[in-house]
Protein backbone atom coordinates (compact mmCIF):
# COMPACT_ATOMS: atom_id res chain seq x y z
CA MET A 1 3.93 5.25 40.73
CA ARG A 2 2.67 6.28 37.29
CA PRO A 3 1.69 3.60 34.77
CA ARG A 4 4.00 3.22 31.83
CA SER A 5 2.68 4.57 28.56
CA GLY A 6 4.12 1.65 26.59
CA CYS A 7 2.24 -0.97 28.58
CA ARG A 8 1.65 -4.22 26.76
CA GLY A 9 -2.01 -4.97 26.26
CA LYS A 10 -3.03 -1.40 25.50
CA MET A 11 -3.55 -0.36 21.92
CA ASP A 12 -2.04 2.97 21.05
CA ILE A 13 -3.19 5.35 18.37
CA SER A 14 -0.38 4.51 15.93
CA LEU A 15 -2.31 1.53 14.53
CA ILE A 16 -5.30 3.75 13.78
CA LEU A 17 -3.06 6.36 12.14
CA LYS A 18 -1.33 3.73 10.01
CA ALA A 19 -4.67 2.36 8.80
CA ALA A 20 -5.91 5.88 8.04
CA GLY A 21 -2.71 6.68 6.14
CA ILE A 22 -2.99 3.54 4.06
CA GLY A 23 -6.63 4.36 3.34
CA LEU A 24 -5.74 7.88 2.26
CA ILE A 25 -2.98 6.70 -0.08
CA VAL A 26 -5.16 3.96 -1.53
CA SER A 27 -8.04 6.34 -2.18
CA VAL A 28 -5.80 8.85 -3.98
CA VAL A 29 -4.22 6.13 -6.12
CA CYS A 30 -7.65 4.67 -6.92
CA GLN A 31 -8.96 8.07 -7.98
CA ILE A 32 -5.95 8.66 -10.23
CA LEU A 33 -6.25 5.22 -11.80
CA SER A 34 -9.98 5.44 -12.36
CA LYS A 35 -9.72 8.92 -13.93
CA SER A 36 -7.14 7.59 -16.36
CA GLY A 37 -9.40 4.71 -17.40
CA ARG A 38 -7.71 1.91 -15.47
CA GLU A 39 -10.59 0.69 -13.34
CA GLU A 40 -9.20 -2.85 -13.04
CA GLN A 41 -5.94 -1.63 -11.53
CA ALA A 42 -7.88 0.69 -9.23
CA MET A 43 -9.88 -2.27 -7.95
CA LEU A 44 -6.71 -4.27 -7.35
CA VAL A 45 -5.15 -1.37 -5.43
CA SER A 46 -8.22 -1.06 -3.21
CA VAL A 47 -8.26 -4.80 -2.50
CA ALA A 48 -4.54 -4.71 -1.71
CA GLY A 49 -5.12 -1.84 0.71
CA VAL A 50 -7.86 -3.72 2.53
CA VAL A 51 -5.69 -6.84 2.78
CA LEU A 52 -2.77 -4.80 4.10
CA VAL A 53 -4.86 -3.22 6.85
CA LEU A 54 -6.37 -6.60 7.78
CA LEU A 55 -2.90 -8.11 8.08
CA MET A 56 -1.95 -5.27 10.44
CA LEU A 57 -5.02 -6.01 12.57
CA VAL A 58 -4.41 -9.78 12.84
CA LYS A 59 -1.74 -9.27 15.49
CA GLU A 60 -3.98 -7.05 17.59
CA LEU A 61 -6.91 -9.47 17.26
CA GLY A 62 -4.69 -12.29 18.50
CA SER A 63 -3.76 -10.22 21.51
CA LEU A 64 -7.44 -9.47 22.17
CA ILE A 65 -8.38 -13.15 22.03
CA ASP A 66 -5.54 -14.05 24.41
CA THR A 67 -6.72 -11.38 26.85
CA ILE A 68 -10.30 -12.65 26.70
CA ARG A 69 -9.12 -16.22 27.32
CA ARG A 70 -7.02 -15.08 30.29
CA ILE A 71 -9.90 -13.06 31.80
CA PHE A 72 -12.48 -15.82 31.52
CA GLY A 73 -10.04 -18.65 32.24
CA LEU A 74 -10.60 -20.51 28.97
C-alpha cells in the first residue's frame, strides 16, 4: 500500500512557496516605495511581510512541538 501524499504531520512545499511569494511581493513593493521617497512606508511593508510569514509558521511550529512531545513522551 502506498503512503498518502496528504499525510498529516508532513510539511509540503506549499508553505515554502507561499512564504517566497510574500517575500517577492514585499520586496517589489519596498523597492517601489523607496524609489519614490517613501522609506517609512517601505519599512512598514517589510515589517508587515515578516509578521505575515511568521503567523503562517506558527501553526507548523505548534505541530512540530506536538510531534516532539509525542516522540519523547513529554
